[in-house]
């Protein structure tokens, strides 16, 4: 999807799951994926800015760190809410300016952060 010059950064909170994901990625032969263990609610500033950040776990609010790590024109897709979430698309239009679109009716597992649940 990102092409030969693109890069994917994946962050998994649980080391056991990160290990399984790394083994699976190695088996595919993909070389442009960095699979990291850490707190995804903080993003990963070392590789920013990002064109796309896609989150597969729900937060109670959008982590500002992720928005700040978007490139201008970049998009963040993240489920936001408690039991039932909105799938939120945030597009960074300019520095300090974003546009938001929400689609209701989703259920994801919670994003576990340094504060336990964001």
C-alpha atoms as a PDB file:
ATOM      1  CA  UNK A   1       0.000   0.000   0.000  1.00  0.00           C
ATOM      2  CA  UNK A   2       2.819   2.455   0.844  1.00  0.00           C
ATOM      3  CA  UNK A   3       5.006   1.379  -2.070  1.00  0.00           C
ATOM      4  CA  UNK A   4       8.718   0.542  -2.032  1.00  0.00           C
ATOM      5  CA  UNK A   5       9.750   4.003  -0.765  1.00  0.00           C
ATOM      6  CA  UNK A   6       7.073   4.150   1.966  1.00  0.00           C
ATOM      7  CA  UNK A   7       7.456   3.144   5.592  1.00  0.00           C
ATOM      8  CA  UNK A   8       5.004   1.689   8.110  1.00  0.00           C
ATOM      9  CA  UNK A   9       5.453   2.103  11.853  1.00  0.00           C
ATOM     10  CA  UNK A  10       3.379  -0.229  14.031  1.00  0.00           C
ATOM     11  CA  UNK A  11       3.199   0.174  17.812  1.00  0.00           C
ATOM     12  CA  UNK A  12       2.014  -2.606  20.110  1.00  0.00           C
ATOM     13  CA  UNK A  13       1.680  -2.069  23.864  1.00  0.00           C
ATOM     14  CA  UNK A  14       2.096  -5.717  24.882  1.00  0.00           C
ATOM     15  CA  UNK A  15       5.551  -7.203  24.237  1.00  0.00           C
ATOM     16  CA  UNK A  16       4.099 -10.685  23.613  1.00  0.00           C
ATOM     17  CA  UNK A  17       1.862  -9.392  20.819  1.00  0.00           C
ATOM     18  CA  UNK A  18       4.684  -7.270  19.376  1.00  0.00           C
ATOM     19  CA  UNK A  19       6.854 -10.398  19.209  1.00  0.00           C
ATOM     20  CA  UNK A  20       4.144 -12.350  17.365  1.00  0.00           C
ATOM     21  CA  UNK A  21       3.609  -9.451  14.951  1.00  0.00           C
ATOM     22  CA  UNK A  22       7.348  -9.170  14.279  1.00  0.00           C
ATOM     23  CA  UNK A  23       7.584 -12.896  13.503  1.00  0.00           C
ATOM     24  CA  UNK A  24       4.598 -12.644  11.163  1.00  0.00           C
ATOM     25  CA  UNK A  25       6.073  -9.629   9.375  1.00  0.00           C
ATOM     26  CA  UNK A  26       9.432 -11.357   8.940  1.00  0.00           C
ATOM     27  CA  UNK A  27       7.639 -14.326   7.378  1.00  0.00           C
ATOM     28  CA  UNK A  28       6.088 -12.036   4.754  1.00  0.00           C
ATOM     29  CA  UNK A  29       9.464 -10.649   3.720  1.00  0.00           C
ATOM     30  CA  UNK A  30       8.331  -7.042   4.200  1.00  0.00           C
ATOM     31  CA  UNK A  31      11.292  -4.815   4.980  1.00  0.00           C
ATOM     32  CA  UNK A  32       9.590  -1.411   5.290  1.00  0.00           C
ATOM     33  CA  UNK A  33       7.703  -2.085   8.542  1.00  0.00           C
ATOM     34  CA  UNK A  34       9.058  -1.028  11.924  1.00  0.00           C
ATOM     35  CA  UNK A  35       7.203  -2.989  14.603  1.00  0.00           C
ATOM     36  CA  UNK A  36       7.744  -1.288  17.957  1.00  0.00           C
ATOM     37  CA  UNK A  37       6.694  -1.929  21.550  1.00  0.00           C
ATOM     38  CA  UNK A  38       5.406   1.112  23.394  1.00  0.00           C
ATOM     39  CA  UNK A  39       2.553   3.387  24.342  1.00  0.00           C
ATOM     40  CA  UNK A  40       0.743   4.229  21.100  1.00  0.00           C
ATOM     41  CA  UNK A  41      -1.164   7.076  22.772  1.00  0.00           C
ATOM     42  CA  UNK A  42       2.109   9.000  22.693  1.00  0.00           C
ATOM     43  CA  UNK A  43       2.612   8.269  19.014  1.00  0.00           C
ATOM     44  CA  UNK A  44       6.180   7.786  17.819  1.00  0.00           C
ATOM     45  CA  UNK A  45       7.771  11.217  17.276  1.00  0.00           C
ATOM     46  CA  UNK A  46      11.107   9.817  16.062  1.00  0.00           C
ATOM     47  CA  UNK A  47       9.619   8.982  12.647  1.00  0.00           C
ATOM     48  CA  UNK A  48       7.154  11.875  12.353  1.00  0.00           C
ATOM     49  CA  UNK A  49       5.596  13.583  10.533  1.00  0.00           C
ATOM     50  CA  UNK A  50       3.214  10.905   9.275  1.00  0.00           C
ATOM     51  CA  UNK A  51       0.931  10.972   6.256  1.00  0.00           C
ATOM     52  CA  UNK A  52      -1.491   8.526   7.903  1.00  0.00           C
ATOM     53  CA  UNK A  53      -1.968   7.343  11.472  1.00  0.00           C
ATOM     54  CA  UNK A  54      -4.495   4.528  11.856  1.00  0.00           C
ATOM     55  CA  UNK A  55      -5.424   3.373  15.349  1.00  0.00           C
ATOM     56  CA  UNK A  56      -7.207   0.060  15.963  1.00  0.00           C
ATOM     57  CA  UNK A  57      -8.088   0.639  19.625  1.00  0.00           C
ATOM     58  CA  UNK A  58     -10.553   3.091  21.176  1.00  0.00           C
ATOM     59  CA  UNK A  59      -9.702   6.203  23.165  1.00  0.00           C
ATOM     60  CA  UNK A  60     -11.921   8.464  25.233  1.00  0.00           C
ATOM     61  CA  UNK A  61     -10.330  11.477  23.518  1.00  0.00           C
ATOM     62  CA  UNK A  62      -7.972  11.956  20.593  1.00  0.00           C
ATOM     63  CA  UNK A  63      -4.349  11.973  21.822  1.00  0.00           C
ATOM     64  CA  UNK A  64      -2.879  15.369  20.968  1.00  0.00           C
ATOM     65  CA  UNK A  65       0.523  13.730  20.417  1.00  0.00           C
ATOM     66  CA  UNK A  66      -0.872  11.872  17.409  1.00  0.00           C
ATOM     67  CA  UNK A  67      -2.385  15.007  15.892  1.00  0.00           C
ATOM     68  CA  UNK A  68       0.890  16.878  16.406  1.00  0.00           C
ATOM     69  CA  UNK A  69       2.797  14.114  14.600  1.00  0.00           C
ATOM     70  CA  UNK A  70       0.716  14.407  11.415  1.00  0.00           C
ATOM     71  CA  UNK A  71       2.190  16.026   8.330  1.00  0.00           C
ATOM     72  CA  UNK A  72       0.161  18.856   6.804  1.00  0.00           C
ATOM     73  CA  UNK A  73      -2.383  17.018   4.659  1.00  0.00           C
ATOM     74  CA  UNK A  74      -1.997  13.952   6.903  1.00  0.00           C
ATOM     75  CA  UNK A  75      -4.927  11.974   8.277  1.00  0.00           C
ATOM     76  CA  UNK A  76      -5.607  10.297  11.610  1.00  0.00           C
ATOM     77  CA  UNK A  77      -8.290   7.592  11.810  1.00  0.00           C
ATOM     78  CA  UNK A  78      -9.152   6.657  15.375  1.00  0.00           C
ATOM     79  CA  UNK A  79     -12.146   5.234  17.290  1.00  0.00           C
ATOM     80  CA  UNK A  80     -13.248   7.629  20.049  1.00  0.00           C
ATOM     81  CA  UNK A  81     -15.710   6.870  22.822  1.00  0.00           C
ATOM     82  CA  UNK A  82     -16.350   4.469  25.660  1.00  0.00           C
ATOM     83  CA  UNK A  83     -18.498   1.385  24.944  1.00  0.00           C
ATOM     84  CA  UNK A  84     -19.662   2.458  21.484  1.00  0.00           C
ATOM     85  CA  UNK A  85     -17.305   4.716  19.560  1.00  0.00           C
ATOM     86  CA  UNK A  86     -17.320   7.129  16.678  1.00  0.00           C
ATOM     87  CA  UNK A  87     -14.728   6.436  14.019  1.00  0.00           C
ATOM     88  CA  UNK A  88     -13.044   9.834  13.740  1.00  0.00           C
ATOM     89  CA  UNK A  89     -11.125  11.090  10.722  1.00  0.00           C
ATOM     90  CA  UNK A  90      -8.920  14.076  11.480  1.00  0.00           C
ATOM     91  CA  UNK A  91      -7.183  15.793   8.570  1.00  0.00           C
ATOM     92  CA  UNK A  92      -4.388  18.253   9.320  1.00  0.00           C
ATOM     93  CA  UNK A  93      -5.072  21.203   7.028  1.00  0.00           C
ATOM     94  CA  UNK A  94      -2.231  23.431   8.307  1.00  0.00           C
ATOM     95  CA  UNK A  95      -0.070  23.706  11.385  1.00  0.00           C
ATOM     96  CA  UNK A  96      -2.505  24.078  14.305  1.00  0.00           C
ATOM     97  CA  UNK A  97      -5.564  23.577  12.061  1.00  0.00           C
ATOM     98  CA  UNK A  98      -7.511  20.343  11.585  1.00  0.00           C
ATOM     99  CA  UNK A  99     -10.784  19.181  10.095  1.00  0.00           C
ATOM    100  CA  UNK A 100     -12.824  16.399  11.719  1.00  0.00           C
ATOM    101  CA  UNK A 101     -15.409  13.920  10.453  1.00  0.00           C
ATOM    102  CA  UNK A 102     -17.196  11.351  12.686  1.00  0.00           C
ATOM    103  CA  UNK A 103     -18.978   8.138  11.785  1.00  0.00           C
ATOM    104  CA  UNK A 104     -20.919   6.636  14.746  1.00  0.00           C
ATOM    105  CA  UNK A 105     -21.555   3.054  15.771  1.00  0.00           C
ATOM    106  CA  UNK A 106     -18.266   1.180  16.213  1.00  0.00           C
ATOM    107  CA  UNK A 107     -16.806  -1.050  18.922  1.00  0.00           C
ATOM    108  CA  UNK A 108     -13.058  -1.484  19.373  1.00  0.00           C
ATOM    109  CA  UNK A 109     -10.954  -2.737  22.269  1.00  0.00           C
ATOM    110  CA  UNK A 110      -9.615   0.076  24.489  1.00  0.00           C
ATOM    111  CA  UNK A 111      -6.250   1.681  23.819  1.00  0.00           C
ATOM    112  CA  UNK A 112      -4.059   0.957  26.817  1.00  0.00           C
ATOM    113  CA  UNK A 113      -1.829   3.943  27.529  1.00  0.00           C
ATOM    114  CA  UNK A 114       0.618   5.109  30.148  1.00  0.00           C
ATOM    115  CA  UNK A 115      -2.480   6.332  32.042  1.00  0.00           C
ATOM    116  CA  UNK A 116      -4.096   2.897  31.449  1.00  0.00           C
ATOM    117  CA  UNK A 117      -6.991   4.112  29.293  1.00  0.00           C
ATOM    118  CA  UNK A 118      -6.947   7.240  27.160  1.00  0.00           C
END
